[in-house]
């Protein structure tokens, strides 16, 4: 009887997986696309500056982007090598990278998050984080609260507005990077750890 039901169980599991939602942030020259389930929004961008960093087992790309309305955002993409993965949840990893004093979760759905971060200088930073893979973490930050609300409403009409309006906005290259990636955080906090092998001790 159990063997006869195996195909049925497999089909049910397959449909469950297909029913699960997904999210992504994808950068290509001249646009930054955010998708959530079946909804997608695209931000027109111009690359102003790009910076690459190598932390041995983690590779980081910072991009300062000018949006179509003239405002700026920073897009950061962190990726581990194949032997490592991020140790913490998206929320905890974000808190560590930005040295946050306090975090306010604005939105969370299928690995896509929006936060308002209270930084050590007591200023507030709007940030979107996306992580559906333990080896990759993506951030978009530095947008106004009005812009953050617009982005969230485009991908989810039921998204609530962010509370804090007086936030950091990026207006030049010198004050664009607000994250604080360090070797100590990455390897000794640690932000990343060797991938756990199934069946290992």
N, C-alpha and C. Protein backbone atom coordinates (compact mmCIF):
# COMPACT_ATOMS: atom_id res chain seq x y z
N UNK A 1 0.82 -1.20 0.00
CA UNK A 1 0.00 0.00 0.00
C UNK A 1 0.86 1.25 0.00
N UNK A 2 1.91 1.24 0.79
CA UNK A 2 2.82 2.38 0.89
C UNK A 2 3.48 2.65 -0.45
N UNK A 3 3.90 1.58 -1.16
CA UNK A 3 4.57 1.74 -2.45
C UNK A 3 3.63 2.32 -3.50
N UNK A 4 2.35 1.94 -3.43
CA UNK A 4 1.38 2.44 -4.39
C UNK A 4 1.17 3.95 -4.23
N UNK A 5 1.33 4.45 -3.01
CA UNK A 5 1.09 5.87 -2.73
C UNK A 5 2.31 6.75 -3.00
N UNK A 6 3.46 6.12 -3.26
CA UNK A 6 4.69 6.91 -3.45
C UNK A 6 4.58 7.91 -4.61
N UNK A 7 4.05 7.52 -5.79
CA UNK A 7 3.92 8.51 -6.87
C UNK A 7 3.03 9.68 -6.48
N UNK A 8 1.95 9.39 -5.72
CA UNK A 8 1.04 10.45 -5.28
C UNK A 8 1.75 11.42 -4.34
N UNK A 9 2.53 10.88 -3.41
CA UNK A 9 3.29 11.71 -2.48
C UNK A 9 4.28 12.58 -3.23
N UNK A 10 4.95 12.00 -4.21
CA UNK A 10 5.92 12.75 -5.02
C UNK A 10 5.25 13.90 -5.76
N UNK A 11 4.07 13.64 -6.33
CA UNK A 11 3.34 14.68 -7.07
C UNK A 11 2.92 15.81 -6.13
N UNK A 12 2.41 15.45 -4.95
CA UNK A 12 2.00 16.47 -3.98
C UNK A 12 3.17 17.33 -3.57
N UNK A 13 4.33 16.71 -3.33
CA UNK A 13 5.53 17.46 -2.93
C UNK A 13 5.98 18.38 -4.05
N UNK A 14 5.88 17.91 -5.30
CA UNK A 14 6.29 18.71 -6.44
C UNK A 14 5.41 19.94 -6.59
N UNK A 15 4.10 19.75 -6.43
CA UNK A 15 3.19 20.89 -6.54
C UNK A 15 3.40 21.88 -5.39
N UNK A 16 3.76 21.36 -4.23
CA UNK A 16 4.04 22.25 -3.09
C UNK A 16 5.24 23.12 -3.38
N UNK A 17 6.27 22.52 -3.98
CA UNK A 17 7.47 23.28 -4.32
C UNK A 17 7.17 24.31 -5.39
N UNK A 18 6.39 23.93 -6.39
CA UNK A 18 6.05 24.85 -7.46
C UNK A 18 5.20 26.00 -6.95
N UNK A 19 4.43 25.74 -5.91
CA UNK A 19 3.56 26.77 -5.36
C UNK A 19 4.31 27.78 -4.51
N UNK A 20 5.51 27.47 -4.10
CA UNK A 20 6.28 28.38 -3.27
C UNK A 20 6.67 29.62 -4.06
N UNK A 21 6.61 30.77 -3.39
CA UNK A 21 6.97 32.02 -4.06
C UNK A 21 8.48 32.19 -4.13
N UNK A 22 8.90 33.15 -4.89
CA UNK A 22 10.32 33.42 -5.03
C UNK A 22 10.54 34.91 -5.20
N UNK A 23 11.78 35.32 -5.04
CA UNK A 23 12.14 36.73 -5.25
C UNK A 23 13.54 36.79 -5.84
N UNK A 24 13.87 37.92 -6.43
CA UNK A 24 15.22 38.10 -6.96
C UNK A 24 15.51 39.58 -7.15
N UNK A 25 16.79 39.90 -7.14
CA UNK A 25 17.27 41.21 -7.57
C UNK A 25 18.34 40.93 -8.61
N UNK A 26 18.18 41.52 -9.77
CA UNK A 26 19.10 41.27 -10.88
C UNK A 26 19.62 42.58 -11.43
N UNK A 27 20.94 42.69 -11.51
CA UNK A 27 21.55 43.89 -12.10
C UNK A 27 22.08 43.56 -13.49
N UNK A 28 21.74 44.42 -14.42
CA UNK A 28 22.32 44.40 -15.76
C UNK A 28 22.58 45.85 -16.14
N UNK A 29 23.54 46.09 -17.03
CA UNK A 29 23.81 47.47 -17.41
C UNK A 29 22.52 48.21 -17.78
N UNK A 30 22.33 49.33 -17.14
CA UNK A 30 21.21 50.25 -17.39
C UNK A 30 19.90 49.86 -16.72
N UNK A 31 19.88 48.77 -15.95
CA UNK A 31 18.69 48.54 -15.15
C UNK A 31 18.93 47.58 -13.99
N UNK A 32 18.07 47.75 -12.99
CA UNK A 32 18.08 46.93 -11.80
C UNK A 32 16.66 46.39 -11.65
N UNK A 33 16.50 45.09 -11.70
CA UNK A 33 15.17 44.48 -11.68
C UNK A 33 14.93 43.77 -10.36
N UNK A 34 13.75 44.01 -9.78
CA UNK A 34 13.32 43.32 -8.57
C UNK A 34 12.07 42.53 -8.91
N UNK A 35 12.04 41.28 -8.51
CA UNK A 35 10.85 40.47 -8.76
C UNK A 35 10.42 39.78 -7.48
N UNK A 36 9.12 39.63 -7.37
CA UNK A 36 8.52 38.93 -6.24
C UNK A 36 7.37 38.10 -6.78
N UNK A 37 7.50 36.79 -6.66
CA UNK A 37 6.52 35.88 -7.23
C UNK A 37 6.35 36.17 -8.72
N UNK A 38 5.18 36.60 -9.14
CA UNK A 38 4.96 36.84 -10.57
C UNK A 38 5.08 38.33 -10.93
N UNK A 39 5.43 39.17 -9.96
CA UNK A 39 5.47 40.61 -10.19
C UNK A 39 6.91 41.10 -10.30
N UNK A 40 7.13 42.03 -11.21
CA UNK A 40 8.48 42.53 -11.45
C UNK A 40 8.46 44.04 -11.64
N UNK A 41 9.45 44.72 -11.10
CA UNK A 41 9.61 46.15 -11.37
C UNK A 41 11.06 46.40 -11.77
N UNK A 42 11.26 47.33 -12.68
CA UNK A 42 12.59 47.61 -13.20
C UNK A 42 12.95 49.07 -12.96
N UNK A 43 14.13 49.30 -12.37
CA UNK A 43 14.64 50.64 -12.16
C UNK A 43 15.68 50.94 -13.23
N UNK A 44 15.48 52.00 -13.98
CA UNK A 44 16.47 52.41 -14.96
C UNK A 44 17.67 53.00 -14.23
N UNK A 45 18.88 52.57 -14.59
CA UNK A 45 20.07 52.98 -13.85
C UNK A 45 21.21 53.37 -14.79
N UNK A 46 22.09 54.21 -14.26
CA UNK A 46 23.36 54.52 -14.89
C UNK A 46 24.46 54.22 -13.89
N UNK A 47 25.45 53.44 -14.27
CA UNK A 47 26.54 53.11 -13.37
C UNK A 47 27.46 54.31 -13.21
N UNK A 48 27.62 54.76 -11.96
CA UNK A 48 28.47 55.91 -11.66
C UNK A 48 29.85 55.43 -11.21
N UNK A 49 29.86 54.42 -10.37
CA UNK A 49 31.13 53.91 -9.85
C UNK A 49 30.95 52.46 -9.44
N UNK A 50 31.99 51.66 -9.61
CA UNK A 50 31.96 50.26 -9.21
C UNK A 50 33.23 49.93 -8.45
N UNK A 51 33.09 49.17 -7.38
CA UNK A 51 34.23 48.79 -6.55
C UNK A 51 34.13 47.30 -6.24
N UNK A 52 35.23 46.58 -6.43
CA UNK A 52 35.27 45.15 -6.16
C UNK A 52 36.18 44.88 -4.96
N UNK A 53 35.78 43.97 -4.09
CA UNK A 53 36.59 43.58 -2.94
C UNK A 53 36.64 42.07 -2.84
N UNK A 54 37.80 41.56 -2.46
CA UNK A 54 38.01 40.13 -2.32
C UNK A 54 38.44 39.83 -0.88
N UNK A 55 37.59 39.08 -0.17
CA UNK A 55 37.89 38.70 1.21
C UNK A 55 38.22 37.21 1.30
N UNK A 56 38.93 36.72 0.34
CA UNK A 56 39.37 35.33 0.29
C UNK A 56 38.23 34.37 -0.03
N UNK A 57 37.28 34.21 0.88
CA UNK A 57 36.16 33.30 0.63
C UNK A 57 34.86 34.02 0.34
N UNK A 58 34.93 35.35 0.25
CA UNK A 58 33.75 36.15 -0.05
C UNK A 58 34.14 37.25 -1.03
N UNK A 59 33.31 37.44 -2.05
CA UNK A 59 33.58 38.42 -3.09
C UNK A 59 32.46 39.45 -3.09
N UNK A 60 32.84 40.70 -3.05
CA UNK A 60 31.89 41.77 -2.85
C UNK A 60 31.98 42.79 -3.98
N UNK A 61 30.82 43.18 -4.49
CA UNK A 61 30.75 44.21 -5.52
C UNK A 61 29.86 45.34 -5.03
N UNK A 62 30.40 46.57 -5.03
CA UNK A 62 29.61 47.77 -4.72
C UNK A 62 29.38 48.50 -6.03
N UNK A 63 28.15 48.90 -6.29
CA UNK A 63 27.86 49.73 -7.46
C UNK A 63 27.05 50.94 -7.03
N UNK A 64 27.56 52.12 -7.34
CA UNK A 64 26.79 53.34 -7.13
C UNK A 64 26.01 53.60 -8.42
N UNK A 65 24.69 53.67 -8.32
CA UNK A 65 23.83 53.79 -9.48
C UNK A 65 22.99 55.07 -9.42
N UNK A 66 22.91 55.75 -10.55
CA UNK A 66 21.99 56.88 -10.66
C UNK A 66 20.70 56.37 -11.28
N UNK A 67 19.58 56.64 -10.63
CA UNK A 67 18.29 56.19 -11.13
C UNK A 67 17.75 57.18 -12.16
N UNK A 68 16.68 56.78 -12.81
CA UNK A 68 16.11 57.61 -13.87
C UNK A 68 15.62 58.95 -13.40
N UNK A 69 15.24 59.06 -12.11
CA UNK A 69 14.77 60.34 -11.58
C UNK A 69 15.90 61.22 -11.06
N UNK A 70 17.14 60.77 -11.22
CA UNK A 70 18.30 61.55 -10.79
C UNK A 70 18.81 61.21 -9.40
N UNK A 71 18.06 60.43 -8.63
CA UNK A 71 18.51 60.04 -7.30
C UNK A 71 19.51 58.89 -7.41
N UNK A 72 20.17 58.57 -6.29
CA UNK A 72 21.20 57.54 -6.27
C UNK A 72 20.84 56.40 -5.32
N UNK A 73 21.31 55.22 -5.64
CA UNK A 73 21.27 54.09 -4.71
C UNK A 73 22.58 53.34 -4.83
N UNK A 74 22.89 52.56 -3.81
CA UNK A 74 24.02 51.65 -3.88
C UNK A 74 23.46 50.23 -3.97
N UNK A 75 24.01 49.46 -4.89
CA UNK A 75 23.66 48.05 -5.02
C UNK A 75 24.89 47.25 -4.65
N UNK A 76 24.76 46.39 -3.65
CA UNK A 76 25.87 45.55 -3.21
C UNK A 76 25.50 44.09 -3.36
N UNK A 77 26.43 43.33 -3.88
CA UNK A 77 26.23 41.90 -4.06
C UNK A 77 27.41 41.16 -3.44
N UNK A 78 27.11 40.34 -2.44
CA UNK A 78 28.15 39.55 -1.77
C UNK A 78 27.94 38.08 -2.09
N UNK A 79 29.01 37.41 -2.48
CA UNK A 79 28.91 36.00 -2.87
C UNK A 79 30.08 35.23 -2.25
N UNK A 80 29.77 34.10 -1.64
CA UNK A 80 30.83 33.26 -1.08
C UNK A 80 31.36 32.34 -2.18
N UNK A 81 32.53 31.74 -1.91
CA UNK A 81 32.99 30.71 -2.84
C UNK A 81 32.18 29.44 -2.58
N UNK A 82 32.41 28.41 -3.37
CA UNK A 82 31.55 27.23 -3.32
C UNK A 82 31.67 26.42 -2.04
N UNK A 83 32.73 26.66 -1.25
CA UNK A 83 32.92 25.90 -0.03
C UNK A 83 32.33 26.59 1.21
N UNK A 84 31.82 27.82 1.05
CA UNK A 84 31.32 28.58 2.18
C UNK A 84 29.88 29.02 1.96
N UNK A 85 29.24 29.43 3.06
CA UNK A 85 27.89 29.98 3.00
C UNK A 85 27.72 30.99 4.14
N UNK A 86 26.68 31.82 4.04
CA UNK A 86 26.40 32.77 5.11
C UNK A 86 25.89 32.03 6.33
N UNK A 87 26.38 32.45 7.48
CA UNK A 87 26.06 31.78 8.74
C UNK A 87 24.70 32.19 9.29
N UNK A 88 24.32 33.46 9.09
CA UNK A 88 23.17 34.02 9.79
C UNK A 88 21.96 34.23 8.88
N UNK A 89 20.84 34.55 9.50
CA UNK A 89 19.65 34.95 8.75
C UNK A 89 19.94 36.27 8.04
N UNK A 90 19.10 36.62 7.07
CA UNK A 90 19.26 37.88 6.35
C UNK A 90 19.21 39.06 7.31
N UNK A 91 18.29 39.02 8.24
CA UNK A 91 18.15 40.12 9.21
C UNK A 91 19.41 40.28 10.05
N UNK A 92 19.92 39.19 10.57
CA UNK A 92 21.10 39.26 11.42
C UNK A 92 22.33 39.67 10.62
N UNK A 93 22.50 39.14 9.42
CA UNK A 93 23.64 39.50 8.58
C UNK A 93 23.61 40.99 8.24
N UNK A 94 22.44 41.52 7.94
CA UNK A 94 22.29 42.95 7.65
C UNK A 94 22.68 43.79 8.84
N UNK A 95 22.23 43.37 10.01
CA UNK A 95 22.56 44.09 11.24
C UNK A 95 24.06 44.14 11.48
N UNK A 96 24.75 43.04 11.22
CA UNK A 96 26.20 42.98 11.41
C UNK A 96 26.92 43.86 10.40
N UNK A 97 26.55 43.77 9.14
CA UNK A 97 27.24 44.51 8.08
C UNK A 97 27.10 46.01 8.27
N UNK A 98 25.96 46.46 8.76
CA UNK A 98 25.72 47.90 8.88
C UNK A 98 25.87 48.41 10.32
N UNK A 99 26.32 47.56 11.24
CA UNK A 99 26.53 47.98 12.64
C UNK A 99 25.29 48.66 13.21
N UNK A 100 24.14 48.12 12.95
CA UNK A 100 22.91 48.80 13.31
C UNK A 100 22.69 48.85 14.82
N UNK A 101 22.16 49.98 15.27
CA UNK A 101 21.75 50.12 16.66
C UNK A 101 20.34 49.55 16.85
N UNK A 102 19.54 49.70 15.78
CA UNK A 102 18.18 49.19 15.81
C UNK A 102 17.71 48.97 14.38
N UNK A 103 16.84 47.98 14.19
CA UNK A 103 16.30 47.69 12.86
C UNK A 103 14.78 47.69 12.92
N UNK A 104 14.19 48.30 11.90
CA UNK A 104 12.73 48.30 11.76
C UNK A 104 12.39 47.56 10.48
N UNK A 105 11.68 46.46 10.60
CA UNK A 105 11.32 45.68 9.43
C UNK A 105 10.08 46.30 8.79
N UNK A 106 10.24 46.76 7.56
CA UNK A 106 9.16 47.37 6.82
C UNK A 106 8.38 46.33 6.02
N UNK A 107 9.12 45.34 5.50
CA UNK A 107 8.50 44.38 4.60
C UNK A 107 9.29 43.09 4.61
N UNK A 108 8.59 41.96 4.46
CA UNK A 108 9.25 40.66 4.35
C UNK A 108 8.33 39.71 3.60
N UNK A 109 8.83 39.15 2.51
CA UNK A 109 8.04 38.21 1.71
C UNK A 109 8.98 37.42 0.81
N UNK A 110 8.98 36.10 0.97
CA UNK A 110 9.74 35.21 0.09
C UNK A 110 11.19 35.66 -0.12
N UNK A 111 11.90 35.87 0.98
CA UNK A 111 13.33 36.18 0.98
C UNK A 111 13.64 37.60 0.51
N UNK A 112 12.63 38.44 0.36
CA UNK A 112 12.83 39.85 0.03
C UNK A 112 12.42 40.68 1.24
N UNK A 113 13.32 41.56 1.69
CA UNK A 113 13.08 42.33 2.90
C UNK A 113 13.32 43.81 2.65
N UNK A 114 12.60 44.64 3.40
CA UNK A 114 12.89 46.07 3.43
C UNK A 114 13.03 46.48 4.89
N UNK A 115 14.10 47.18 5.18
CA UNK A 115 14.38 47.62 6.55
C UNK A 115 14.65 49.12 6.58
N UNK A 116 14.39 49.71 7.74
CA UNK A 116 14.93 51.03 8.06
C UNK A 116 15.91 50.79 9.20
N UNK A 117 17.17 51.13 8.95
CA UNK A 117 18.26 50.83 9.87
C UNK A 117 18.68 52.09 10.63
N UNK A 118 18.76 52.00 11.94
CA UNK A 118 19.32 53.08 12.74
C UNK A 118 20.81 52.81 12.88
N UNK A 119 21.63 53.68 12.28
CA UNK A 119 23.07 53.48 12.24
C UNK A 119 23.75 54.06 13.48
N UNK A 120 25.04 53.77 13.68
CA UNK A 120 25.75 54.29 14.85
C UNK A 120 25.74 55.82 14.96
N UNK A 121 25.58 56.53 13.83
CA UNK A 121 25.53 57.99 13.87
C UNK A 121 24.13 58.52 14.14
N UNK A 122 23.21 57.60 14.50
CA UNK A 122 21.82 57.92 14.80
C UNK A 122 21.02 58.40 13.58
N UNK A 123 21.52 58.12 12.40
CA UNK A 123 20.78 58.42 11.18
C UNK A 123 20.12 57.15 10.67
N UNK A 124 19.02 57.34 9.94
CA UNK A 124 18.24 56.21 9.45
C UNK A 124 18.57 55.95 7.99
N UNK A 125 18.69 54.67 7.62
CA UNK A 125 19.01 54.27 6.25
C UNK A 125 17.95 53.28 5.76
N UNK A 126 17.39 53.57 4.58
CA UNK A 126 16.46 52.64 3.95
C UNK A 126 17.24 51.59 3.17
N UNK A 127 16.81 50.33 3.27
CA UNK A 127 17.54 49.25 2.63
C UNK A 127 16.58 48.14 2.20
N UNK A 128 16.84 47.58 1.03
CA UNK A 128 16.16 46.37 0.57
C UNK A 128 17.21 45.26 0.54
N UNK A 129 16.88 44.12 1.12
CA UNK A 129 17.79 42.97 1.13
C UNK A 129 17.09 41.79 0.48
N UNK A 130 17.87 40.97 -0.21
CA UNK A 130 17.31 39.77 -0.84
C UNK A 130 18.31 38.63 -0.71
N UNK A 131 17.80 37.48 -0.26
CA UNK A 131 18.68 36.33 -0.07
C UNK A 131 17.86 35.05 -0.14
N UNK A 132 17.87 34.40 -1.29
CA UNK A 132 17.20 33.11 -1.40
C UNK A 132 18.21 31.98 -1.57
N UNK A 133 19.47 32.30 -1.36
CA UNK A 133 20.56 31.34 -1.49
C UNK A 133 21.53 31.62 -0.34
N UNK A 134 21.97 30.57 0.34
CA UNK A 134 22.86 30.78 1.49
C UNK A 134 24.25 31.28 1.07
N UNK A 135 24.53 31.31 -0.22
CA UNK A 135 25.85 31.74 -0.69
C UNK A 135 25.83 33.12 -1.33
N UNK A 136 24.70 33.80 -1.28
CA UNK A 136 24.61 35.10 -1.92
C UNK A 136 23.70 36.02 -1.11
N UNK A 137 24.10 37.28 -0.99
CA UNK A 137 23.32 38.28 -0.27
C UNK A 137 23.38 39.59 -1.04
N UNK A 138 22.21 40.22 -1.26
CA UNK A 138 22.15 41.43 -2.07
C UNK A 138 21.47 42.55 -1.29
N UNK A 139 22.00 43.77 -1.45
CA UNK A 139 21.44 44.95 -0.82
C UNK A 139 21.23 46.06 -1.85
N UNK A 140 20.14 46.80 -1.69
CA UNK A 140 19.97 48.09 -2.36
C UNK A 140 19.68 49.09 -1.25
N UNK A 141 20.43 50.18 -1.17
CA UNK A 141 20.19 51.13 -0.09
C UNK A 141 20.50 52.56 -0.50
N UNK A 142 20.01 53.48 0.33
CA UNK A 142 20.26 54.91 0.10
C UNK A 142 19.12 55.65 -0.58
N UNK A 143 18.00 54.97 -0.81
CA UNK A 143 16.86 55.63 -1.44
C UNK A 143 16.03 56.39 -0.41
N UNK A 144 15.29 57.38 -0.88
CA UNK A 144 14.37 58.10 0.00
C UNK A 144 13.25 57.17 0.43
N UNK A 145 12.53 57.55 1.46
CA UNK A 145 11.40 56.74 1.91
C UNK A 145 10.30 56.73 0.85
N UNK A 146 10.12 57.84 0.15
CA UNK A 146 9.13 57.89 -0.93
C UNK A 146 9.48 56.88 -2.02
N UNK A 147 10.76 56.81 -2.39
CA UNK A 147 11.21 55.86 -3.40
C UNK A 147 11.07 54.42 -2.90
N UNK A 148 11.42 54.16 -1.65
CA UNK A 148 11.27 52.83 -1.07
C UNK A 148 9.81 52.38 -1.13
N UNK A 149 8.91 53.27 -0.73
CA UNK A 149 7.48 52.93 -0.76
C UNK A 149 7.02 52.64 -2.19
N UNK A 150 7.49 53.42 -3.15
CA UNK A 150 7.11 53.21 -4.55
C UNK A 150 7.55 51.83 -5.04
N UNK A 151 8.81 51.47 -4.72
CA UNK A 151 9.34 50.17 -5.15
C UNK A 151 8.52 49.03 -4.57
N UNK A 152 8.24 49.11 -3.27
CA UNK A 152 7.49 48.05 -2.61
C UNK A 152 6.07 47.93 -3.16
N UNK A 153 5.42 49.07 -3.42
CA UNK A 153 4.06 49.05 -3.95
C UNK A 153 4.02 48.47 -5.36
N UNK A 154 5.11 48.65 -6.13
CA UNK A 154 5.14 48.10 -7.49
C UNK A 154 5.17 46.57 -7.48
N UNK A 155 5.82 46.01 -6.46
CA UNK A 155 5.91 44.55 -6.43
C UNK A 155 4.87 43.90 -5.52
N UNK A 156 4.26 44.71 -4.65
CA UNK A 156 3.21 44.20 -3.78
C UNK A 156 2.29 45.35 -3.39
N UNK A 157 1.12 45.40 -3.98
CA UNK A 157 0.20 46.51 -3.74
C UNK A 157 -0.25 46.58 -2.28
N UNK A 158 -0.08 45.48 -1.54
CA UNK A 158 -0.48 45.45 -0.14
C UNK A 158 0.65 45.86 0.82
N UNK A 159 1.81 46.20 0.28
CA UNK A 159 2.94 46.60 1.14
C UNK A 159 2.60 47.88 1.89
N UNK A 160 2.95 47.92 3.16
CA UNK A 160 2.70 49.10 3.99
C UNK A 160 3.81 50.14 3.76
N UNK A 161 3.47 51.40 3.99
CA UNK A 161 4.46 52.46 3.86
C UNK A 161 5.46 52.41 5.01
N UNK A 162 6.70 52.79 4.73
CA UNK A 162 7.72 52.87 5.77
C UNK A 162 7.40 54.05 6.70
N UNK A 163 7.82 53.93 7.94
CA UNK A 163 7.44 54.92 8.96
C UNK A 163 8.32 56.17 8.92
N UNK A 164 9.63 55.97 8.96
CA UNK A 164 10.54 57.11 9.09
C UNK A 164 10.79 57.77 7.74
N UNK A 165 10.59 59.08 7.68
CA UNK A 165 10.74 59.83 6.43
C UNK A 165 12.09 60.54 6.33
N UNK A 166 12.65 60.91 7.47
CA UNK A 166 13.92 61.64 7.49
C UNK A 166 15.06 60.63 7.49
N UNK A 167 15.58 60.34 6.30
CA UNK A 167 16.58 59.28 6.17
C UNK A 167 17.78 59.76 5.35
N UNK A 168 18.84 58.97 5.38
CA UNK A 168 20.03 59.23 4.56
C UNK A 168 19.67 59.04 3.09
N UNK A 169 20.00 60.03 2.27
CA UNK A 169 19.92 59.85 0.82
C UNK A 169 21.30 60.16 0.25
N UNK A 170 21.67 59.44 -0.78
CA UNK A 170 23.01 59.55 -1.35
C UNK A 170 23.00 60.62 -2.43
N UNK A 171 23.92 61.58 -2.31
CA UNK A 171 23.96 62.64 -3.32
C UNK A 171 25.34 62.84 -3.94
N UNK A 172 26.32 62.06 -3.49
CA UNK A 172 27.64 62.13 -4.14
C UNK A 172 28.42 60.86 -3.85
N UNK A 173 29.53 60.69 -4.56
CA UNK A 173 30.33 59.46 -4.43
C UNK A 173 30.93 59.33 -3.05
N UNK A 174 31.33 60.45 -2.45
CA UNK A 174 32.06 60.40 -1.19
C UNK A 174 31.24 59.82 -0.04
N UNK A 175 29.93 60.04 -0.03
CA UNK A 175 29.13 59.54 1.10
C UNK A 175 28.22 58.39 0.69
N UNK A 176 28.65 57.61 -0.31
CA UNK A 176 27.75 56.59 -0.85
C UNK A 176 27.78 55.25 -0.11
N UNK A 177 28.91 54.83 0.41
CA UNK A 177 29.01 53.50 1.03
C UNK A 177 28.74 53.58 2.53
N UNK A 178 27.66 52.91 2.94
CA UNK A 178 27.30 52.91 4.35
C UNK A 178 27.45 51.53 4.99
N UNK A 179 27.72 50.54 4.22
CA UNK A 179 27.98 49.21 4.78
C UNK A 179 29.40 49.18 5.34
N UNK A 180 29.66 48.20 6.17
CA UNK A 180 30.97 48.11 6.81
C UNK A 180 31.42 46.64 6.83
N UNK A 181 31.84 46.17 5.67
CA UNK A 181 32.37 44.81 5.55
C UNK A 181 33.83 44.81 6.01
N UNK A 182 34.18 43.91 6.91
CA UNK A 182 35.57 43.80 7.36
C UNK A 182 35.97 42.33 7.41
N UNK A 183 37.27 42.09 7.36
CA UNK A 183 37.78 40.72 7.47
C UNK A 183 37.36 40.09 8.79
N UNK A 184 37.41 40.88 9.86
CA UNK A 184 37.04 40.35 11.17
C UNK A 184 35.58 39.89 11.18
N UNK A 185 34.69 40.72 10.66
CA UNK A 185 33.27 40.34 10.64
C UNK A 185 33.05 39.09 9.79
N UNK A 186 33.67 39.06 8.64
CA UNK A 186 33.44 37.98 7.69
C UNK A 186 33.95 36.64 8.21
N UNK A 187 35.16 36.65 8.79
CA UNK A 187 35.79 35.38 9.16
C UNK A 187 35.77 35.06 10.65
N UNK A 188 35.56 36.07 11.50
CA UNK A 188 35.66 35.80 12.94
C UNK A 188 34.37 36.07 13.70
N UNK A 189 33.41 36.80 13.11
CA UNK A 189 32.13 36.96 13.80
C UNK A 189 31.38 35.63 13.91
N UNK A 190 31.33 34.74 12.92
CA UNK A 190 31.67 34.99 11.51
C UNK A 190 30.39 35.22 10.70
N UNK A 191 30.53 35.98 9.61
CA UNK A 191 29.43 36.13 8.68
C UNK A 191 29.27 34.90 7.79
N UNK A 192 30.41 34.26 7.47
CA UNK A 192 30.37 33.07 6.64
C UNK A 192 31.06 31.91 7.33
N UNK A 193 30.63 30.70 7.00
CA UNK A 193 31.23 29.49 7.57
C UNK A 193 31.32 28.42 6.47
N UNK A 194 32.18 27.42 6.66
CA UNK A 194 32.22 26.31 5.69
C UNK A 194 30.86 25.65 5.58
N UNK A 195 30.49 25.24 4.41
CA UNK A 195 29.21 24.57 4.19
C UNK A 195 29.16 23.28 5.01
N UNK A 196 28.05 23.10 5.70
CA UNK A 196 27.87 21.88 6.50
C UNK A 196 27.52 20.72 5.57
N UNK A 197 28.26 19.66 5.66
CA UNK A 197 28.02 18.50 4.83
C UNK A 197 26.91 17.65 5.43
N UNK A 198 25.95 17.24 4.59
CA UNK A 198 24.88 16.37 5.07
C UNK A 198 25.47 15.05 5.54
N UNK A 199 25.03 14.63 6.71
CA UNK A 199 25.53 13.37 7.24
C UNK A 199 26.84 13.50 7.96
N UNK A 200 27.36 14.75 8.04
CA UNK A 200 28.62 14.94 8.72
C UNK A 200 28.45 14.92 10.23
N UNK A 201 29.56 14.88 10.91
CA UNK A 201 29.50 14.82 12.38
C UNK A 201 29.22 16.20 12.94
